Amino acid sequence: MRILTTPLLFWADGMTVAPGLVLLHPRVRGDAGLLAHEAVHCRQMRDVGLLRFWWLYFSCRAFRLWAEVEAYRVSLRYQPGGIRHFARTLSRGYLLGITPAQAERLLQG
């Protein structure tokens, strides 16, 4: 997984562009939980296929929810106390139409 840092990524801390390419904002360069989160997206892209992943991610709310819940569950292993923060981010940042409480329940599995 190649990691590039750029301050141009102002809307997110990190973004997986392709199975082997992750962009990070410089302020989170050393965040192991975020890197693990993005590694999940790399695997998802390999499993689903890059174009299919992006098509489904942008066109299907259920797929986007599945992809992010799986990745945030890995983030929680690195920051177990961050569940409320991750739930708020999940509920507000991905156009999923869920509340923070619903997101928290999904993250708890």
N, C-alpha and C. Protein backbone atom coordinates (compact mmCIF):
# COMPACT_ATOMS: atom_id res chain seq x y z
N MET A 1 0.86 -1.17 0.00
CA MET A 1 0.00 0.00 0.00
C MET A 1 0.91 1.23 0.00
N ARG A 2 0.81 2.02 -1.04
CA ARG A 2 1.57 3.25 -1.13
C ARG A 2 0.77 4.38 -0.48
N ILE A 3 1.43 5.16 0.36
CA ILE A 3 0.77 6.23 1.10
C ILE A 3 1.37 7.57 0.67
N LEU A 4 0.51 8.44 0.20
CA LEU A 4 0.92 9.80 -0.15
C LEU A 4 0.22 10.77 0.79
N THR A 5 0.96 11.75 1.27
CA THR A 5 0.34 12.77 2.11
C THR A 5 0.18 14.05 1.30
N THR A 6 -0.94 14.70 1.52
CA THR A 6 -1.21 15.95 0.82
C THR A 6 -2.19 16.81 1.61
N PRO A 7 -1.88 18.08 1.76
CA PRO A 7 -2.83 18.98 2.43
C PRO A 7 -4.04 19.27 1.55
N LEU A 8 -4.00 18.87 0.28
CA LEU A 8 -5.14 19.08 -0.61
C LEU A 8 -6.33 18.20 -0.22
N LEU A 9 -6.08 17.18 0.57
CA LEU A 9 -7.16 16.32 1.08
C LEU A 9 -7.75 17.02 2.30
N PHE A 10 -8.57 18.00 2.06
CA PHE A 10 -9.09 18.84 3.14
C PHE A 10 -10.43 18.36 3.67
N TRP A 11 -11.13 17.48 2.96
CA TRP A 11 -12.46 17.03 3.36
C TRP A 11 -12.42 15.74 4.17
N ALA A 12 -11.25 15.12 4.28
CA ALA A 12 -11.14 13.84 5.00
C ALA A 12 -9.73 13.69 5.53
N ASP A 13 -9.59 12.83 6.51
CA ASP A 13 -8.25 12.51 7.01
C ASP A 13 -7.52 11.59 6.06
N GLY A 14 -8.26 10.68 5.42
CA GLY A 14 -7.65 9.74 4.51
C GLY A 14 -8.63 9.29 3.45
N MET A 15 -8.08 8.76 2.36
CA MET A 15 -8.92 8.28 1.27
C MET A 15 -8.16 7.23 0.49
N THR A 16 -8.78 6.09 0.29
CA THR A 16 -8.19 5.05 -0.55
C THR A 16 -8.66 5.31 -1.97
N VAL A 17 -7.71 5.51 -2.85
CA VAL A 17 -8.01 5.82 -4.24
C VAL A 17 -8.07 4.54 -5.07
N ALA A 18 -7.18 3.61 -4.77
CA ALA A 18 -7.08 2.34 -5.48
C ALA A 18 -6.52 1.32 -4.49
N PRO A 19 -6.57 0.04 -4.82
CA PRO A 19 -6.12 -0.97 -3.86
C PRO A 19 -4.71 -0.76 -3.31
N GLY A 20 -3.87 -0.11 -4.04
CA GLY A 20 -2.52 0.12 -3.55
C GLY A 20 -2.16 1.56 -3.32
N LEU A 21 -3.15 2.46 -3.28
CA LEU A 21 -2.86 3.89 -3.15
C LEU A 21 -3.80 4.56 -2.17
N VAL A 22 -3.20 5.12 -1.12
CA VAL A 22 -3.95 5.82 -0.07
C VAL A 22 -3.42 7.23 0.05
N LEU A 23 -4.33 8.18 0.13
CA LEU A 23 -3.97 9.57 0.39
C LEU A 23 -4.28 9.88 1.85
N LEU A 24 -3.37 10.58 2.51
CA LEU A 24 -3.58 11.01 3.89
C LEU A 24 -3.29 12.49 4.01
N HIS A 25 -4.04 13.15 4.89
CA HIS A 25 -3.69 14.52 5.23
C HIS A 25 -2.47 14.46 6.14
N PRO A 26 -1.53 15.40 6.02
CA PRO A 26 -0.31 15.34 6.84
C PRO A 26 -0.56 15.30 8.35
N ARG A 27 -1.66 15.87 8.82
CA ARG A 27 -1.91 15.92 10.27
C ARG A 27 -2.16 14.53 10.86
N VAL A 28 -2.46 13.53 10.03
CA VAL A 28 -2.77 12.18 10.53
C VAL A 28 -1.78 11.14 10.03
N ARG A 29 -0.64 11.59 9.59
CA ARG A 29 0.37 10.72 8.98
C ARG A 29 0.69 9.48 9.83
N GLY A 30 0.77 9.61 11.13
CA GLY A 30 1.17 8.49 11.97
C GLY A 30 0.02 7.75 12.63
N ASP A 31 -1.20 7.94 12.19
CA ASP A 31 -2.37 7.34 12.82
C ASP A 31 -2.54 5.89 12.35
N ALA A 32 -2.12 4.95 13.19
CA ALA A 32 -2.17 3.53 12.83
C ALA A 32 -3.60 3.04 12.60
N GLY A 33 -4.55 3.56 13.37
CA GLY A 33 -5.94 3.17 13.20
C GLY A 33 -6.49 3.61 11.86
N LEU A 34 -6.12 4.81 11.43
CA LEU A 34 -6.57 5.30 10.13
C LEU A 34 -5.94 4.49 9.01
N LEU A 35 -4.66 4.16 9.15
CA LEU A 35 -4.01 3.33 8.13
C LEU A 35 -4.67 1.97 8.05
N ALA A 36 -5.04 1.40 9.18
CA ALA A 36 -5.73 0.10 9.18
C ALA A 36 -7.11 0.23 8.52
N HIS A 37 -7.80 1.34 8.79
CA HIS A 37 -9.10 1.62 8.18
C HIS A 37 -8.96 1.67 6.66
N GLU A 38 -7.97 2.39 6.18
CA GLU A 38 -7.76 2.51 4.74
C GLU A 38 -7.31 1.18 4.14
N ALA A 39 -6.57 0.39 4.89
CA ALA A 39 -6.16 -0.94 4.40
C ALA A 39 -7.38 -1.83 4.18
N VAL A 40 -8.41 -1.67 5.00
CA VAL A 40 -9.66 -2.41 4.79
C VAL A 40 -10.26 -2.02 3.44
N HIS A 41 -10.27 -0.73 3.14
CA HIS A 41 -10.81 -0.29 1.85
C HIS A 41 -9.96 -0.83 0.69
N CYS A 42 -8.65 -0.91 0.88
CA CYS A 42 -7.78 -1.50 -0.16
C CYS A 42 -8.20 -2.94 -0.42
N ARG A 43 -8.42 -3.70 0.64
CA ARG A 43 -8.85 -5.09 0.48
C ARG A 43 -10.21 -5.17 -0.18
N GLN A 44 -11.13 -4.32 0.26
CA GLN A 44 -12.47 -4.32 -0.33
C GLN A 44 -12.39 -4.05 -1.84
N MET A 45 -11.54 -3.12 -2.23
CA MET A 45 -11.39 -2.81 -3.65
C MET A 45 -10.81 -3.99 -4.42
N ARG A 46 -9.86 -4.68 -3.82
CA ARG A 46 -9.31 -5.88 -4.48
C ARG A 46 -10.37 -6.95 -4.61
N ASP A 47 -11.15 -7.14 -3.56
CA ASP A 47 -12.18 -8.19 -3.57
C ASP A 47 -13.31 -7.90 -4.56
N VAL A 48 -13.76 -6.65 -4.58
CA VAL A 48 -14.92 -6.27 -5.39
C VAL A 48 -14.52 -5.85 -6.80
N GLY A 49 -13.31 -5.34 -6.93
CA GLY A 49 -12.86 -4.75 -8.19
C GLY A 49 -12.94 -3.24 -8.07
N LEU A 50 -11.94 -2.57 -8.57
CA LEU A 50 -11.83 -1.12 -8.38
C LEU A 50 -13.04 -0.36 -8.94
N LEU A 51 -13.36 -0.58 -10.19
CA LEU A 51 -14.46 0.18 -10.79
C LEU A 51 -15.80 -0.18 -10.16
N ARG A 52 -15.99 -1.46 -9.90
CA ARG A 52 -17.24 -1.88 -9.27
C ARG A 52 -17.35 -1.29 -7.86
N PHE A 53 -16.24 -1.29 -7.12
CA PHE A 53 -16.24 -0.70 -5.78
C PHE A 53 -16.71 0.75 -5.84
N TRP A 54 -16.06 1.56 -6.70
CA TRP A 54 -16.41 2.96 -6.75
C TRP A 54 -17.84 3.19 -7.25
N TRP A 55 -18.28 2.39 -8.22
CA TRP A 55 -19.65 2.51 -8.70
C TRP A 55 -20.64 2.24 -7.56
N LEU A 56 -20.42 1.14 -6.86
CA LEU A 56 -21.32 0.79 -5.76
C LEU A 56 -21.21 1.79 -4.61
N TYR A 57 -20.01 2.24 -4.31
CA TYR A 57 -19.81 3.18 -3.20
C TYR A 57 -20.61 4.45 -3.42
N PHE A 58 -20.60 4.96 -4.65
CA PHE A 58 -21.30 6.21 -4.92
C PHE A 58 -22.77 6.03 -5.26
N SER A 59 -23.17 4.85 -5.68
CA SER A 59 -24.56 4.67 -6.12
C SER A 59 -25.43 3.88 -5.16
N CYS A 60 -24.83 3.22 -4.19
CA CYS A 60 -25.60 2.33 -3.32
C CYS A 60 -25.29 2.62 -1.85
N ARG A 61 -26.26 3.19 -1.18
CA ARG A 61 -26.08 3.55 0.24
C ARG A 61 -25.75 2.32 1.09
N ALA A 62 -26.41 1.20 0.82
CA ALA A 62 -26.16 -0.02 1.61
C ALA A 62 -24.72 -0.50 1.45
N PHE A 63 -24.18 -0.43 0.25
CA PHE A 63 -22.79 -0.83 0.02
C PHE A 63 -21.84 0.11 0.76
N ARG A 64 -22.08 1.42 0.65
CA ARG A 64 -21.25 2.41 1.33
C ARG A 64 -21.28 2.19 2.84
N LEU A 65 -22.45 1.91 3.36
CA LEU A 65 -22.59 1.64 4.79
C LEU A 65 -21.78 0.40 5.17
N TRP A 66 -21.92 -0.68 4.41
CA TRP A 66 -21.17 -1.91 4.68
C TRP A 66 -19.66 -1.64 4.67
N ALA A 67 -19.19 -0.91 3.64
CA ALA A 67 -17.76 -0.66 3.50
C ALA A 67 -17.22 0.16 4.66
N GLU A 68 -17.95 1.18 5.07
CA GLU A 68 -17.47 2.05 6.14
C GLU A 68 -17.60 1.40 7.52
N VAL A 69 -18.68 0.68 7.75
CA VAL A 69 -18.81 0.00 9.05
C VAL A 69 -17.68 -1.00 9.23
N GLU A 70 -17.38 -1.76 8.19
CA GLU A 70 -16.28 -2.73 8.28
C GLU A 70 -14.96 -2.02 8.57
N ALA A 71 -14.71 -0.91 7.91
CA ALA A 71 -13.45 -0.18 8.12
C ALA A 71 -13.40 0.49 9.49
N TYR A 72 -14.51 1.07 9.94
CA TYR A 72 -14.51 1.72 11.25
C TYR A 72 -14.41 0.70 12.39
N ARG A 73 -14.91 -0.49 12.18
CA ARG A 73 -14.74 -1.53 13.22
C ARG A 73 -13.25 -1.83 13.42
N VAL A 74 -12.48 -1.80 12.35
CA VAL A 74 -11.03 -1.98 12.48
C VAL A 74 -10.41 -0.78 13.18
N SER A 75 -10.87 0.42 12.86
CA SER A 75 -10.37 1.62 13.55
C SER A 75 -10.59 1.51 15.06
N LEU A 76 -11.71 0.92 15.44
CA LEU A 76 -12.04 0.79 16.87
C LEU A 76 -11.04 -0.10 17.62
N ARG A 77 -10.43 -1.02 16.93
CA ARG A 77 -9.41 -1.86 17.59
C ARG A 77 -8.22 -1.02 18.04
N TYR A 78 -7.95 0.05 17.34
CA TYR A 78 -6.84 0.94 17.66
C TYR A 78 -7.24 2.05 18.63
N GLN A 79 -8.52 2.38 18.63
CA GLN A 79 -9.02 3.46 19.47
C GLN A 79 -10.39 3.07 20.02
N PRO A 80 -10.43 2.12 20.96
CA PRO A 80 -11.72 1.63 21.47
C PRO A 80 -12.57 2.72 22.10
N GLY A 81 -11.96 3.73 22.63
CA GLY A 81 -12.72 4.82 23.24
C GLY A 81 -13.28 5.80 22.22
N GLY A 82 -13.01 5.58 20.96
CA GLY A 82 -13.44 6.51 19.93
C GLY A 82 -14.77 6.18 19.29
N ILE A 83 -15.53 5.26 19.88
CA ILE A 83 -16.76 4.80 19.22
C ILE A 83 -17.75 5.94 18.97
N ARG A 84 -17.90 6.84 19.91
CA ARG A 84 -18.86 7.94 19.69
C ARG A 84 -18.39 8.86 18.58
N HIS A 85 -17.10 9.14 18.54
CA HIS A 85 -16.55 9.97 17.47
C HIS A 85 -16.76 9.30 16.11
N PHE A 86 -16.42 8.01 16.04
CA PHE A 86 -16.58 7.28 14.78
C PHE A 86 -18.05 7.20 14.38
N ALA A 87 -18.93 7.01 15.35
CA ALA A 87 -20.37 6.94 15.06
C ALA A 87 -20.88 8.27 14.51
N ARG A 88 -20.45 9.37 15.11
CA ARG A 88 -20.85 10.69 14.60
C ARG A 88 -20.33 10.90 13.18
N THR A 89 -19.07 10.54 12.96
CA THR A 89 -18.48 10.69 11.63
C THR A 89 -19.23 9.83 10.61
N LEU A 90 -19.52 8.60 10.98
CA LEU A 90 -20.23 7.69 10.09
C LEU A 90 -21.63 8.21 9.77
N SER A 91 -22.31 8.75 10.76
CA SER A 91 -23.69 9.21 10.55
C SER A 91 -23.76 10.53 9.79
N ARG A 92 -22.73 11.35 9.89
CA ARG A 92 -22.80 12.68 9.29
C ARG A 92 -21.98 12.84 8.01
N GLY A 93 -20.99 12.00 7.82
CA GLY A 93 -20.04 12.25 6.75
C GLY A 93 -20.18 11.44 5.48
N TYR A 94 -21.17 10.56 5.42
CA TYR A 94 -21.23 9.65 4.27
C TYR A 94 -22.59 9.59 3.59
N LEU A 95 -23.47 10.51 3.91
CA LEU A 95 -24.81 10.55 3.30
C LEU A 95 -25.53 9.21 3.44
N LEU A 96 -25.51 8.67 4.65
CA LEU A 96 -26.09 7.36 4.90
C LEU A 96 -27.51 7.42 5.46
N GLY A 97 -27.93 8.57 5.94
CA GLY A 97 -29.28 8.69 6.48
C GLY A 97 -29.48 7.92 7.77
N ILE A 98 -28.43 7.86 8.61
CA ILE A 98 -28.54 7.19 9.91
C ILE A 98 -28.16 8.17 11.01
N THR A 99 -28.63 7.89 12.20
CA THR A 99 -28.32 8.72 13.35
C THR A 99 -27.02 8.24 13.99
N PRO A 100 -26.40 9.08 14.83
CA PRO A 100 -25.22 8.61 15.56
C PRO A 100 -25.52 7.37 16.41
N ALA A 101 -26.71 7.29 17.00
CA ALA A 101 -27.06 6.12 17.81
C ALA A 101 -27.14 4.86 16.94
N GLN A 102 -27.72 4.98 15.76
CA GLN A 102 -27.78 3.83 14.84
C GLN A 102 -26.37 3.44 14.40
N ALA A 103 -25.55 4.42 14.11
CA ALA A 103 -24.17 4.14 13.71
C ALA A 103 -23.41 3.44 14.82
N GLU A 104 -23.62 3.89 16.04
CA GLU A 104 -22.92 3.26 17.17
C GLU A 104 -23.33 1.80 17.32
N ARG A 105 -24.62 1.52 17.17
CA ARG A 105 -25.08 0.11 17.25
C ARG A 105 -24.46 -0.73 16.14
N LEU A 106 -24.36 -0.16 14.95
CA LEU A 106 -23.75 -0.90 13.84
C LEU A 106 -22.26 -1.17 14.11
N LEU A 107 -21.58 -0.20 14.67
CA LEU A 107 -20.16 -0.38 14.96
C LEU A 107 -19.91 -1.40 16.06
N GLN A 108 -20.85 -1.49 16.98
CA GLN A 108 -20.73 -2.48 18.05
C GLN A 108 -21.00 -3.89 17.55
N GLY A 109 -21.68 -4.00 16.42
CA GLY A 109 -21.94 -5.31 15.82
C GLY A 109 -23.00 -6.04 16.55
